[in-house]
PDB file of N, CA and C in Angstrom:
ATOM      1  N   MET A   1       0.856  -1.176   0.000  1.00  0.00           N
ATOM      2  CA  MET A   1       0.000   0.000   0.000  1.00  0.00           C
ATOM      3  C   MET A   1       0.898   1.233   0.000  1.00  0.00           C
ATOM      4  N   ASN A   2       0.592   2.198  -0.863  1.00  0.00           N
ATOM      5  CA  ASN A   2       1.463   3.374  -0.905  1.00  0.00           C
ATOM      6  C   ASN A   2       1.213   4.290   0.298  1.00  0.00           C
ATOM      7  N   TYR A   3       2.138   5.203   0.508  1.00  0.00           N
ATOM      8  CA  TYR A   3       2.166   6.050   1.698  1.00  0.00           C
ATOM      9  C   TYR A   3       0.889   6.885   1.851  1.00  0.00           C
ATOM     10  N   GLU A   4       0.398   7.428   0.761  1.00  0.00           N
ATOM     11  CA  GLU A   4      -0.786   8.283   0.818  1.00  0.00           C
ATOM     12  C   GLU A   4      -2.037   7.488   1.200  1.00  0.00           C
ATOM     13  N   LEU A   5      -2.184   6.276   0.676  1.00  0.00           N
ATOM     14  CA  LEU A   5      -3.328   5.440   1.057  1.00  0.00           C
ATOM     15  C   LEU A   5      -3.236   5.001   2.508  1.00  0.00           C
ATOM     16  N   LEU A   6      -2.037   4.683   2.946  1.00  0.00           N
ATOM     17  CA  LEU A   6      -1.838   4.329   4.344  1.00  0.00           C
ATOM     18  C   LEU A   6      -2.167   5.526   5.245  1.00  0.00           C
ATOM     19  N   PHE A   7      -1.793   6.725   4.805  1.00  0.00           N
ATOM     20  CA  PHE A   7      -2.144   7.939   5.553  1.00  0.00           C
ATOM     21  C   PHE A   7      -3.659   8.088   5.657  1.00  0.00           C
ATOM     22  N   LEU A   8      -4.372   7.920   4.555  1.00  0.00           N
ATOM     23  CA  LEU A   8      -5.837   8.069   4.576  1.00  0.00           C
ATOM     24  C   LEU A   8      -6.491   7.044   5.501  1.00  0.00           C
ATOM     25  N   LYS A   9      -5.991   5.821   5.478  1.00  0.00           N
ATOM     26  CA  LYS A   9      -6.499   4.784   6.375  1.00  0.00           C
ATOM     27  C   LYS A   9      -6.243   5.187   7.826  1.00  0.00           C
ATOM     28  N   SER A  10      -5.039   5.658   8.104  1.00  0.00           N
ATOM     29  CA  SER A  10      -4.689   6.085   9.456  1.00  0.00           C
ATOM     30  C   SER A  10      -5.499   7.308   9.882  1.00  0.00           C
ATOM     31  N   LEU A  11      -5.728   8.215   8.960  1.00  0.00           N
ATOM     32  CA  LEU A  11      -6.533   9.400   9.273  1.00  0.00           C
ATOM     33  C   LEU A  11      -7.953   9.001   9.655  1.00  0.00           C
ATOM     34  N   LEU A  12      -8.542   8.119   8.886  1.00  0.00           N
ATOM     35  CA  LEU A  12      -9.901   7.661   9.187  1.00  0.00           C
ATOM     36  C   LEU A  12      -9.952   6.995  10.557  1.00  0.00           C
ATOM     37  N   LEU A  13      -9.013   6.097  10.828  1.00  0.00           N
ATOM     38  CA  LEU A  13      -8.983   5.420  12.127  1.00  0.00           C
ATOM     39  C   LEU A  13      -8.733   6.404  13.265  1.00  0.00           C
ATOM     40  N   THR A  14      -7.823   7.329  13.049  1.00  0.00           N
ATOM     41  CA  THR A  14      -7.515   8.321  14.084  1.00  0.00           C
ATOM     42  C   THR A  14      -8.727   9.187  14.392  1.00  0.00           C
ATOM     43  N   VAL A  15      -9.394   9.661  13.360  1.00  0.00           N
ATOM     44  CA  VAL A  15     -10.585  10.491  13.565  1.00  0.00           C
ATOM     45  C   VAL A  15     -11.659   9.708  14.319  1.00  0.00           C
ATOM     46  N   LEU A  16     -11.902   8.478  13.904  1.00  0.00           N
ATOM     47  CA  LEU A  16     -12.924   7.664  14.574  1.00  0.00           C
ATOM     48  C   LEU A  16     -12.569   7.405  16.033  1.00  0.00           C
ATOM     49  N   ILE A  17     -11.343   6.990  16.275  1.00  0.00           N
ATOM     50  CA  ILE A  17     -10.925   6.656  17.640  1.00  0.00           C
ATOM     51  C   ILE A  17     -10.897   7.892  18.530  1.00  0.00           C
ATOM     52  N   GLU A  18     -10.222   8.935  18.078  1.00  0.00           N
ATOM     53  CA  GLU A  18     -10.071  10.114  18.930  1.00  0.00           C
ATOM     54  C   GLU A  18     -11.393  10.844  19.162  1.00  0.00           C
ATOM     55  N   THR A  19     -12.260  10.833  18.174  1.00  0.00           N
ATOM     56  CA  THR A  19     -13.567  11.467  18.351  1.00  0.00           C
ATOM     57  C   THR A  19     -14.408  10.676  19.341  1.00  0.00           C
ATOM     58  N   ALA A  20     -14.380   9.363  19.234  1.00  0.00           N
ATOM     59  CA  ALA A  20     -15.122   8.526  20.186  1.00  0.00           C
ATOM     60  C   ALA A  20     -14.597   8.716  21.606  1.00  0.00           C
ATOM     61  N   VAL A  21     -13.277   8.735  21.749  1.00  0.00           N
ATOM     62  CA  VAL A  21     -12.684   8.923  23.079  1.00  0.00           C
ATOM     63  C   VAL A  21     -13.029  10.301  23.626  1.00  0.00           C
ATOM     64  N   LEU A  22     -12.983  11.319  22.782  1.00  0.00           N
ATOM     65  CA  LEU A  22     -13.332  12.672  23.219  1.00  0.00           C
ATOM     66  C   LEU A  22     -14.769  12.719  23.741  1.00  0.00           C
ATOM     67  N   CYS A  23     -15.684  12.136  23.000  1.00  0.00           N
ATOM     68  CA  CYS A  23     -17.087  12.116  23.419  1.00  0.00           C
ATOM     69  C   CYS A  23     -17.257  11.367  24.737  1.00  0.00           C
ATOM     70  N   LEU A  24     -16.659  10.198  24.842  1.00  0.00           N
ATOM     71  CA  LEU A  24     -16.762   9.408  26.071  1.00  0.00           C
ATOM     72  C   LEU A  24     -16.096  10.120  27.242  1.00  0.00           C
ATOM     73  N   PHE A  25     -14.961  10.748  26.999  1.00  0.00           N
ATOM     74  CA  PHE A  25     -14.249  11.450  28.066  1.00  0.00           C
ATOM     75  C   PHE A  25     -15.095  12.595  28.625  1.00  0.00           C
ATOM     76  N   PHE A  26     -15.687  13.382  27.737  1.00  0.00           N
ATOM     77  CA  PHE A  26     -16.486  14.515  28.207  1.00  0.00           C
ATOM     78  C   PHE A  26     -17.782  14.058  28.885  1.00  0.00           C
ATOM     79  N   ARG A  27     -18.356  12.969  28.422  1.00  0.00           N
ATOM     80  CA  ARG A  27     -19.613  12.491  29.008  1.00  0.00           C
ATOM     81  C   ARG A  27     -19.395  11.671  30.278  1.00  0.00           C
ATOM     82  N   LEU A  28     -18.451  10.746  30.257  1.00  0.00           N
ATOM     83  CA  LEU A  28     -18.299   9.805  31.367  1.00  0.00           C
ATOM     84  C   LEU A  28     -17.281  10.238  32.415  1.00  0.00           C
ATOM     85  N   VAL A  29     -16.198  10.861  32.007  1.00  0.00           N
ATOM     86  CA  VAL A  29     -15.157  11.248  32.961  1.00  0.00           C
ATOM     87  C   VAL A  29     -15.421  12.651  33.501  1.00  0.00           C
ATOM     88  N   LEU A  30     -15.564  13.610  32.602  1.00  0.00           N
ATOM     89  CA  LEU A  30     -15.800  14.987  33.036  1.00  0.00           C
ATOM     90  C   LEU A  30     -17.266  15.255  33.375  1.00  0.00           C
ATOM     91  N   LYS A  31     -18.141  14.372  32.918  1.00  0.00           N
ATOM     92  CA  LYS A  31     -19.588  14.482  33.158  1.00  0.00           C
ATOM     93  C   LYS A  31     -20.147  15.851  32.743  1.00  0.00           C
ATOM     94  N   MET A  32     -19.662  16.323  31.596  1.00  0.00           N
ATOM     95  CA  MET A  32     -20.121  17.613  31.066  1.00  0.00           C
ATOM     96  C   MET A  32     -21.240  17.372  30.061  1.00  0.00           C
ATOM     97  N   LYS A  33     -22.448  17.653  30.474  1.00  0.00           N
ATOM     98  CA  LYS A  33     -23.615  17.448  29.615  1.00  0.00           C
ATOM     99  C   LYS A  33     -23.988  18.716  28.837  1.00  0.00           C
ATOM    100  N   ASN A  34     -23.347  19.853  29.184  1.00  0.00           N
ATOM    101  CA  ASN A  34     -23.693  21.119  28.542  1.00  0.00           C
ATOM    102  C   ASN A  34     -23.081  21.282  27.148  1.00  0.00           C
ATOM    103  N   ILE A  35     -22.199  20.375  26.777  1.00  0.00           N
ATOM    104  CA  ILE A  35     -21.608  20.417  25.439  1.00  0.00           C
ATOM    105  C   ILE A  35     -22.310  19.355  24.603  1.00  0.00           C
ATOM    106  N   SER A  36     -22.861  19.776  23.481  1.00  0.00           N
ATOM    107  CA  SER A  36     -23.651  18.855  22.666  1.00  0.00           C
ATOM    108  C   SER A  36     -22.783  17.815  21.969  1.00  0.00           C
ATOM    109  N   LEU A  37     -23.400  16.703  21.650  1.00  0.00           N
ATOM    110  CA  LEU A  37     -22.695  15.638  20.935  1.00  0.00           C
ATOM    111  C   LEU A  37     -22.181  16.124  19.576  1.00  0.00           C
ATOM    112  N   PRO A  38     -22.973  16.879  18.785  1.00  0.00           N
ATOM    113  CA  PRO A  38     -22.424  17.396  17.524  1.00  0.00           C
ATOM    114  C   PRO A  38     -21.191  18.285  17.723  1.00  0.00           C
ATOM    115  N   GLN A  39     -21.159  19.078  18.800  1.00  0.00           N
ATOM    116  CA  GLN A  39     -19.986  19.905  19.093  1.00  0.00           C
ATOM    117  C   GLN A  39     -18.769  19.032  19.371  1.00  0.00           C
ATOM    118  N   LEU A  40     -18.973  17.984  20.162  1.00  0.00           N
ATOM    119  CA  LEU A  40     -17.872  17.079  20.495  1.00  0.00           C
ATOM    120  C   LEU A  40     -17.358  16.364  19.248  1.00  0.00           C
ATOM    121  N   VAL A  41     -18.271  15.880  18.419  1.00  0.00           N
ATOM    122  CA  VAL A  41     -17.883  15.164  17.199  1.00  0.00           C
ATOM    123  C   VAL A  41     -17.117  16.098  16.265  1.00  0.00           C
ATOM    124  N   PHE A  42     -17.634  17.288  16.043  1.00  0.00           N
ATOM    125  CA  PHE A  42     -16.968  18.234  15.151  1.00  0.00           C
ATOM    126  C   PHE A  42     -15.580  18.592  15.677  1.00  0.00           C
ATOM    127  N   THR A  43     -15.477  18.814  16.971  1.00  0.00           N
ATOM    128  CA  THR A  43     -14.192  19.149  17.586  1.00  0.00           C
ATOM    129  C   THR A  43     -13.201  18.001  17.436  1.00  0.00           C
ATOM    130  N   GLY A  44     -13.655  16.777  17.652  1.00  0.00           N
ATOM    131  CA  GLY A  44     -12.781  15.619  17.492  1.00  0.00           C
ATOM    132  C   GLY A  44     -12.254  15.489  16.074  1.00  0.00           C
ATOM    133  N   ILE A  45     -13.120  15.718  15.103  1.00  0.00           N
ATOM    134  CA  ILE A  45     -12.713  15.639  13.698  1.00  0.00           C
ATOM    135  C   ILE A  45     -11.691  16.720  13.364  1.00  0.00           C
ATOM    136  N   VAL A  46     -11.977  17.947  13.762  1.00  0.00           N
ATOM    137  CA  VAL A  46     -11.069  19.063  13.468  1.00  0.00           C
ATOM    138  C   VAL A  46      -9.712  18.856  14.130  1.00  0.00           C
ATOM    139  N   ALA A  47      -9.708  18.461  15.400  1.00  0.00           N
ATOM    140  CA  ALA A  47      -8.446  18.291  16.123  1.00  0.00           C
ATOM    141  C   ALA A  47      -7.568  17.231  15.466  1.00  0.00           C
ATOM    142  N   SER A  48      -8.147  16.098  15.124  1.00  0.00           N
ATOM    143  CA  SER A  48      -7.365  15.023  14.494  1.00  0.00           C
ATOM    144  C   SER A  48      -6.877  15.417  13.108  1.00  0.00           C
ATOM    145  N   MET A  49      -7.746  16.037  12.349  1.00  0.00           N
ATOM    146  CA  MET A  49      -7.385  16.398  10.981  1.00  0.00           C
ATOM    147  C   MET A  49      -6.373  17.549  10.935  1.00  0.00           C
ATOM    148  N   ALA A  50      -6.294  18.304  12.010  1.00  0.00           N
ATOM    149  CA  ALA A  50      -5.337  19.415  12.050  1.00  0.00           C
ATOM    150  C   ALA A  50      -3.928  18.950  12.394  1.00  0.00           C
ATOM    151  N   THR A  51      -3.799  17.824  13.070  1.00  0.00           N
ATOM    152  CA  THR A  51      -2.471  17.419  13.525  1.00  0.00           C
ATOM    153  C   THR A  51      -1.878  16.239  12.757  1.00  0.00           C
ATOM    154  N   LEU A  52      -2.681  15.292  12.333  1.00  0.00           N
ATOM    155  CA  LEU A  52      -2.142  14.084  11.706  1.00  0.00           C
ATOM    156  C   LEU A  52      -1.357  14.348  10.420  1.00  0.00           C
ATOM    157  N   PRO A  53      -1.817  15.232   9.535  1.00  0.00           N
ATOM    158  CA  PRO A  53      -1.007  15.492   8.334  1.00  0.00           C
ATOM    159  C   PRO A  53       0.398  16.004   8.660  1.00  0.00           C
ATOM    160  N   TYR A  54       0.512  16.818   9.684  1.00  0.00           N
ATOM    161  CA  TYR A  54       1.827  17.305  10.101  1.00  0.00           C
ATOM    162  C   TYR A  54       2.725  16.133  10.509  1.00  0.00           C
ATOM    163  N   LEU A  55       2.151  15.187  11.268  1.00  0.00           N
ATOM    164  CA  LEU A  55       2.930  14.038  11.741  1.00  0.00           C
ATOM    165  C   LEU A  55       3.378  13.132  10.601  1.00  0.00           C
ATOM    166  N   TRP A  56       2.589  13.064   9.549  1.00  0.00           N
ATOM    167  CA  TRP A  56       2.900  12.163   8.434  1.00  0.00           C
ATOM    168  C   TRP A  56       3.759  12.801   7.350  1.00  0.00           C
ATOM    169  N   PHE A  57       3.543  14.094   7.096  1.00  0.00           N
ATOM    170  CA  PHE A  57       4.179  14.706   5.928  1.00  0.00           C
ATOM    171  C   PHE A  57       5.233  15.766   6.240  1.00  0.00           C
ATOM    172  N   VAL A  58       5.236  16.324   7.435  1.00  0.00           N
ATOM    173  CA  VAL A  58       6.211  17.365   7.765  1.00  0.00           C
ATOM    174  C   VAL A  58       7.287  16.830   8.704  1.00  0.00           C
ATOM    175  N   LEU A  59       6.883  16.289   9.820  1.00  0.00           N
ATOM    176  CA  LEU A  59       7.836  15.846  10.830  1.00  0.00           C
ATOM    177  C   LEU A  59       8.867  14.830  10.324  1.00  0.00           C
ATOM    178  N   PRO A  60       8.502  13.866   9.491  1.00  0.00           N
ATOM    179  CA  PRO A  60       9.513  12.903   9.022  1.00  0.00           C
ATOM    180  C   PRO A  60      10.671  13.541   8.238  1.00  0.00           C
ATOM    181  N   ASN A  61      10.458  14.728   7.706  1.00  0.00           N
ATOM    182  CA  ASN A  61      11.531  15.422   6.992  1.00  0.00           C
ATOM    183  C   ASN A  61      12.606  15.967   7.931  1.00  0.00           C
ATOM    184  N   TYR A  62      12.292  16.071   9.207  1.00  0.00           N
ATOM    185  CA  TYR A  62      13.205  16.664  10.163  1.00  0.00           C
ATOM    186  C   TYR A  62      13.731  15.689  11.216  1.00  0.00           C
ATOM    187  N   ILE A  63      13.016  14.601  11.422  1.00  0.00           N
ATOM    188  CA  ILE A  63      13.403  13.641  12.457  1.00  0.00           C
ATOM    189  C   ILE A  63      13.441  12.251  11.846  1.00  0.00           C
ATOM    190  N   ASP A  64      14.598  11.606  11.960  1.00  0.00           N
ATOM    191  CA  ASP A  64      14.716  10.280  11.351  1.00  0.00           C
ATOM    192  C   ASP A  64      14.792   9.145  12.368  1.00  0.00           C
ATOM    193  N   GLN A  65      14.951   9.454  13.637  1.00  0.00           N
ATOM    194  CA  GLN A  65      14.982   8.413  14.652  1.00  0.00           C
ATOM    195  C   GLN A  65      13.576   8.182  15.197  1.00  0.00           C
ATOM    196  N   ARG A  66      13.147   6.946  15.175  1.00  0.00           N
ATOM    197  CA  ARG A  66      11.764   6.583  15.534  1.00  0.00           C
ATOM    198  C   ARG A  66      11.374   7.068  16.930  1.00  0.00           C
ATOM    199  N   ILE A  67      12.233   6.889  17.907  1.00  0.00           N
ATOM    200  CA  ILE A  67      11.892   7.264  19.283  1.00  0.00           C
ATOM    201  C   ILE A  67      11.644   8.763  19.404  1.00  0.00           C
ATOM    202  N   TRP A  68      12.488   9.573  18.740  1.00  0.00           N
ATOM    203  CA  TRP A  68      12.294  11.027  18.777  1.00  0.00           C
ATOM    204  C   TRP A  68      11.066  11.441  17.976  1.00  0.00           C
ATOM    205  N   TYR A  69      10.814  10.734  16.899  1.00  0.00           N
ATOM    206  CA  TYR A  69       9.613  10.999  16.099  1.00  0.00           C
ATOM    207  C   TYR A  69       8.364  10.798  16.951  1.00  0.00           C
ATOM    208  N   VAL A  70       8.321   9.717  17.694  1.00  0.00           N
ATOM    209  CA  VAL A  70       7.160   9.413  18.539  1.00  0.00           C
ATOM    210  C   VAL A  70       7.030  10.444  19.659  1.00  0.00           C
ATOM    211  N   ILE A  71       8.133  10.720  20.344  1.00  0.00           N
ATOM    212  CA  ILE A  71       8.086  11.658  21.473  1.00  0.00           C
ATOM    213  C   ILE A  71       7.671  13.054  21.004  1.00  0.00           C
ATOM    214  N   ILE A  72       8.332  13.559  19.989  1.00  0.00           N
ATOM    215  CA  ILE A  72       8.035  14.913  19.506  1.00  0.00           C
ATOM    216  C   ILE A  72       6.663  14.960  18.833  1.00  0.00           C
ATOM    217  N   GLY A  73       6.375  13.966  18.016  1.00  0.00           N
ATOM    218  CA  GLY A  73       5.101  13.951  17.300  1.00  0.00           C
ATOM    219  C   GLY A  73       3.893  13.865  18.219  1.00  0.00           C
ATOM    220  N   GLU A  74       3.938  12.954  19.167  1.00  0.00           N
ATOM    221  CA  GLU A  74       2.808  12.806  20.092  1.00  0.00           C
ATOM    222  C   GLU A  74       2.690  14.016  21.013  1.00  0.00           C
ATOM    223  N   SER A  75       3.818  14.560  21.437  1.00  0.00           N
ATOM    224  CA  SER A  75       3.780  15.777  22.268  1.00  0.00           C
ATOM    225  C   SER A  75       3.159  16.930  21.496  1.00  0.00           C
ATOM    226  N   PHE A  76       3.567  17.066  20.237  1.00  0.00           N
ATOM    227  CA  PHE A  76       2.994  18.115  19.386  1.00  0.00           C
ATOM    228  C   PHE A  76       1.485  17.926  19.242  1.00  0.00           C
ATOM    229  N   ALA A  77       1.063  16.706  18.973  1.00  0.00           N
ATOM    230  CA  ALA A  77      -0.368  16.432  18.778  1.00  0.00           C
ATOM    231  C   ALA A  77      -1.160  16.776  20.042  1.00  0.00           C
ATOM    232  N   VAL A  78      -0.678  16.330  21.189  1.00  0.00           N
ATOM    233  CA  VAL A  78      -1.377  16.624  22.450  1.00  0.00           C
ATOM    234  C   VAL A  78      -1.413  18.129  22.689  1.00  0.00           C
ATOM    235  N   PHE A  79      -0.295  18.799  22.496  1.00  0.00           N
ATOM    236  CA  PHE A  79      -0.203  20.241  22.715  1.00  0.00           C
ATOM    237  C   PHE A  79      -1.179  21.009  21.811  1.00  0.00           C
ATOM    238  N   MET A  80      -1.131  20.736  20.516  1.00  0.00           N
ATOM    239  CA  MET A  80      -1.993  21.455  19.572  1.00  0.00           C
ATOM    240  C   MET A  80      -3.472  21.134  19.797  1.00  0.00           C
ATOM    241  N   GLU A  81      -3.768  19.860  20.008  1.00  0.00           N
ATOM    242  CA  GLU A  81      -5.156  19.466  20.217  1.00  0.00           C
ATOM    243  C   GLU A  81      -5.703  20.018  21.529  1.00  0.00           C
ATOM    244  N   THR A  82      -4.844  20.225  22.514  1.00  0.00           N
ATOM    245  CA  THR A  82      -5.277  20.862  23.763  1.00  0.00           C
ATOM    246  C   THR A  82      -5.869  22.232  23.471  1.00  0.00           C
ATOM    247  N   PHE A  83      -5.175  23.013  22.658  1.00  0.00           N
ATOM    248  CA  PHE A  83      -5.654  24.356  22.347  1.00  0.00           C
ATOM    249  C   PHE A  83      -6.868  24.336  21.420  1.00  0.00           C
ATOM    250  N   ILE A  84      -6.903  23.403  20.493  1.00  0.00           N
ATOM    251  CA  ILE A  84      -8.063  23.286  19.597  1.00  0.00           C
ATOM    252  C   ILE A  84      -9.298  22.916  20.396  1.00  0.00           C
ATOM    253  N   ILE A  85      -9.184  21.904  21.247  1.00  0.00           N
ATOM    254  CA  ILE A  85     -10.326  21.461  22.062  1.00  0.00           C
ATOM    255  C   ILE A  85     -10.762  22.575  23.006  1.00  0.00           C
ATOM    256  N   GLY A  86      -9.804  23.207  23.656  1.00  0.00           N
ATOM    257  CA  GLY A  86     -10.139  24.295  24.578  1.00  0.00           C
ATOM    258  C   GLY A  86     -10.869  25.438  23.898  1.00  0.00           C
ATOM    259  N   ALA A  87     -10.384  25.831  22.727  1.00  0.00           N
ATOM    260  CA  ALA A  87     -11.002  26.948  22.008  1.00  0.00           C
ATOM    261  C   ALA A  87     -12.372  26.580  21.447  1.00  0.00           C
ATOM    262  N   MET A  88     -12.483  25.390  20.874  1.00  0.00           N
ATOM    263  CA  MET A  88     -13.742  25.018  20.231  1.00  0.00           C
ATOM    264  C   MET A  88     -14.848  24.686  21.231  1.00  0.00           C
ATOM    265  N   LEU A  89     -14.477  24.094  22.361  1.00  0.00           N
ATOM    266  CA  LEU A  89     -15.487  23.703  23.348  1.00  0.00           C
ATOM    267  C   LEU A  89     -15.584  24.682  24.511  1.00  0.00           C
ATOM    268  N   ARG A  90     -14.702  25.659  24.518  1.00  0.00           N
ATOM    269  CA  ARG A  90     -14.680  26.691  25.560  1.00  0.00           C
ATOM    270  C   ARG A  90     -14.583  26.078  26.961  1.00  0.00           C
ATOM    271  N   VAL A  91     -13.578  25.218  27.099  1.00  0.00           N
ATOM    272  CA  VAL A  91     -13.280  24.619  28.400  1.00  0.00           C
ATOM    273  C   VAL A  91     -11.870  25.031  28.794  1.00  0.00           C
ATOM    274  N   ASN A  92     -11.564  24.899  30.083  1.00  0.00           N
ATOM    275  CA  ASN A  92     -10.241  25.320  30.540  1.00  0.00           C
ATOM    276  C   ASN A  92      -9.157  24.368  30.043  1.00  0.00           C
ATOM    277  N   LEU A  93      -7.923  24.820  30.156  1.00  0.00           N
ATOM    278  CA  LEU A  93      -6.793  24.065  29.609  1.00  0.00           C
ATOM    279  C   LEU A  93      -6.585  22.718  30.288  1.00  0.00           C
ATOM    280  N   SER A  94      -6.899  22.611  31.555  1.00  0.00           N
ATOM    281  CA  SER A  94      -6.700  21.316  32.211  1.00  0.00           C
ATOM    282  C   SER A  94      -7.661  20.268  31.657  1.00  0.00           C
ATOM    283  N   LYS A  95      -8.900  20.644  31.420  1.00  0.00           N
ATOM    284  CA  LYS A  95      -9.865  19.704  30.831  1.00  0.00           C
ATOM    285  C   LYS A  95      -9.500  19.369  29.388  1.00  0.00           C
ATOM    286  N   SER A  96      -9.117  20.377  28.636  1.00  0.00           N
ATOM    287  CA  SER A  96      -8.767  20.107  27.240  1.00  0.00           C
ATOM    288  C   SER A  96      -7.473  19.310  27.150  1.00  0.00           C
ATOM    289  N   PHE A  97      -6.517  19.560  28.053  1.00  0.00           N
ATOM    290  CA  PHE A  97      -5.275  18.786  28.047  1.00  0.00           C
ATOM    291  C   PHE A  97      -5.538  17.321  28.384  1.00  0.00           C
ATOM    292  N   LEU A  98      -6.299  17.078  29.433  1.00  0.00           N
ATOM    293  CA  LEU A  98      -6.591  15.692  29.823  1.00  0.00           C
ATOM    294  C   LEU A  98      -7.342  14.943  28.731  1.00  0.00           C
ATOM    295  N   SER A  99      -8.282  15.628  28.090  1.00  0.00           N
ATOM    296  CA  SER A  99      -9.026  14.961  27.017  1.00  0.00           C
ATOM    297  C   SER A  99      -8.128  14.701  25.809  1.00  0.00           C
ATOM    298  N   SER A 100      -7.270  15.639  25.469  1.00  0.00           N
ATOM    299  CA  SER A 100      -6.329  15.449  24.363  1.00  0.00           C
ATOM    300  C   SER A 100      -5.365  14.313  24.660  1.00  0.00           C
ATOM    301  N   LEU A 101      -4.865  14.272  25.872  1.00  0.00           N
ATOM    302  CA  LEU A 101      -3.951  13.206  26.279  1.00  0.00           C
ATOM    303  C   LEU A 101      -4.636  11.845  26.187  1.00  0.00           C
ATOM    304  N   ALA A 102      -5.869  11.759  26.667  1.00  0.00           N
ATOM    305  CA  ALA A 102      -6.617  10.491  26.591  1.00  0.00           C
ATOM    306  C   ALA A 102      -6.842  10.074  25.147  1.00  0.00           C
ATOM    307  N   CYS A 103      -7.270  11.006  24.315  1.00  0.00           N
ATOM    308  CA  CYS A 103      -7.515  10.704  22.899  1.00  0.00           C
ATOM    309  C   CYS A 103      -6.261  10.184  22.217  1.00  0.00           C
ATOM    310  N   ASN A 104      -5.155  10.860  22.427  1.00  0.00           N
ATOM    311  CA  ASN A 104      -3.913  10.478  21.763  1.00  0.00           C
ATOM    312  C   ASN A 104      -3.314   9.201  22.320  1.00  0.00           C
ATOM    313  N   MET A 105      -3.482   8.958  23.602  1.00  0.00           N
ATOM    314  CA  MET A 105      -2.983   7.706  24.167  1.00  0.00           C
ATOM    315  C   MET A 105      -3.728   6.508  23.595  1.00  0.00           C
ATOM    316  N   VAL A 106      -5.045   6.602  23.538  1.00  0.00           N
ATOM    317  CA  VAL A 106      -5.836   5.491  22.996  1.00  0.00           C
ATOM    318  C   VAL A 106      -5.522   5.294  21.514  1.00  0.00           C
ATOM    319  N   SER A 107      -5.433   6.370  20.778  1.00  0.00           N
ATOM    320  CA  SER A 107      -5.119   6.299  19.355  1.00  0.00           C
ATOM    321  C   SER A 107      -3.735   5.689  19.122  1.00  0.00           C
ATOM    322  N   PHE A 108      -2.752   6.131  19.883  1.00  0.00           N
ATOM    323  CA  PHE A 108      -1.389   5.626  19.737  1.00  0.00           C
ATOM    324  C   PHE A 108      -1.313   4.140  20.096  1.00  0.00           C
ATOM    325  N   LEU A 109      -1.934   3.757  21.203  1.00  0.00           N
ATOM    326  CA  LEU A 109      -1.909   2.350  21.608  1.00  0.00           C
ATOM    327  C   LEU A 109      -2.649   1.459  20.621  1.00  0.00           C
ATOM    328  N   THR A 110      -3.721   1.966  20.046  1.00  0.00           N
ATOM    329  CA  THR A 110      -4.436   1.208  19.017  1.00  0.00           C
ATOM    330  C   THR A 110      -3.552   0.998  17.803  1.00  0.00           C
ATOM    331  N   ALA A 111      -2.836   2.040  17.388  1.00  0.00           N
ATOM    332  CA  ALA A 111      -1.921   1.927  16.246  1.00  0.00           C
ATOM    333  C   ALA A 111      -0.819   0.917  16.545  1.00  0.00           C
ATOM    334  N   LEU A 112      -0.312   0.915  17.760  1.00  0.00           N
ATOM    335  CA  LEU A 112       0.707  -0.074  18.134  1.00  0.00           C
ATOM    336  C   LEU A 112       0.154  -1.486  18.033  1.00  0.00           C
ATOM    337  N   LEU A 113      -1.052  -1.674  18.538  1.00  0.00           N
ATOM    338  CA  LEU A 113      -1.669  -3.000  18.487  1.00  0.00           C
ATOM    339  C   LEU A 113      -1.947  -3.459  17.053  1.00  0.00           C
ATOM    340  N   MET A 114      -2.252  -2.487  16.193  1.00  0.00           N
ATOM    341  CA  MET A 114      -2.537  -2.808  14.797  1.00  0.00           C
ATOM    342  C   MET A 114      -1.264  -2.830  13.951  1.00  0.00           C
ATOM    343  N   ASN A 115      -0.145  -2.450  14.589  1.00  0.00           N
ATOM    344  CA  ASN A 115       1.147  -2.412  13.910  1.00  0.00           C
ATOM    345  C   ASN A 115       1.185  -1.437  12.728  1.00  0.00           C
ATOM    346  N   LEU A 116       0.581  -0.263  12.959  1.00  0.00           N
ATOM    347  CA  LEU A 116       0.621   0.793  11.946  1.00  0.00           C
ATOM    348  C   LEU A 116       1.801   1.702  12.236  1.00  0.00           C
ATOM    349  N   PRO A 117       2.315   2.370  11.225  1.00  0.00           N
ATOM    350  CA  PRO A 117       3.431   3.308  11.467  1.00  0.00           C
ATOM    351  C   PRO A 117       2.979   4.540  12.215  1.00  0.00           C
TER     352      PRO A 117
END
């Protein structure tokens, strides 16, 4: 499978996983019922789609060691998605950080289990 098709597959999985985790996190962990499900879904889609292309197409040009790629890439994703979630859902940084961290951890562990790059 070529790189671009693998990216699209990963993007779809990432959006599905991270959006589901975001919705569950806000409903079950934070127990925030004042944010609508469509808001959560839209935010999850935007956050994932804003960061994954950078991880696939920009970062590999600058980092060639896998461990640094993972550390820097995942840190970048959590950092950027924290601000996206906070701004779009109008929640404080601690809530948006925890939700971003949860989304990215589940997504990353799923990719490891599926043996995706």
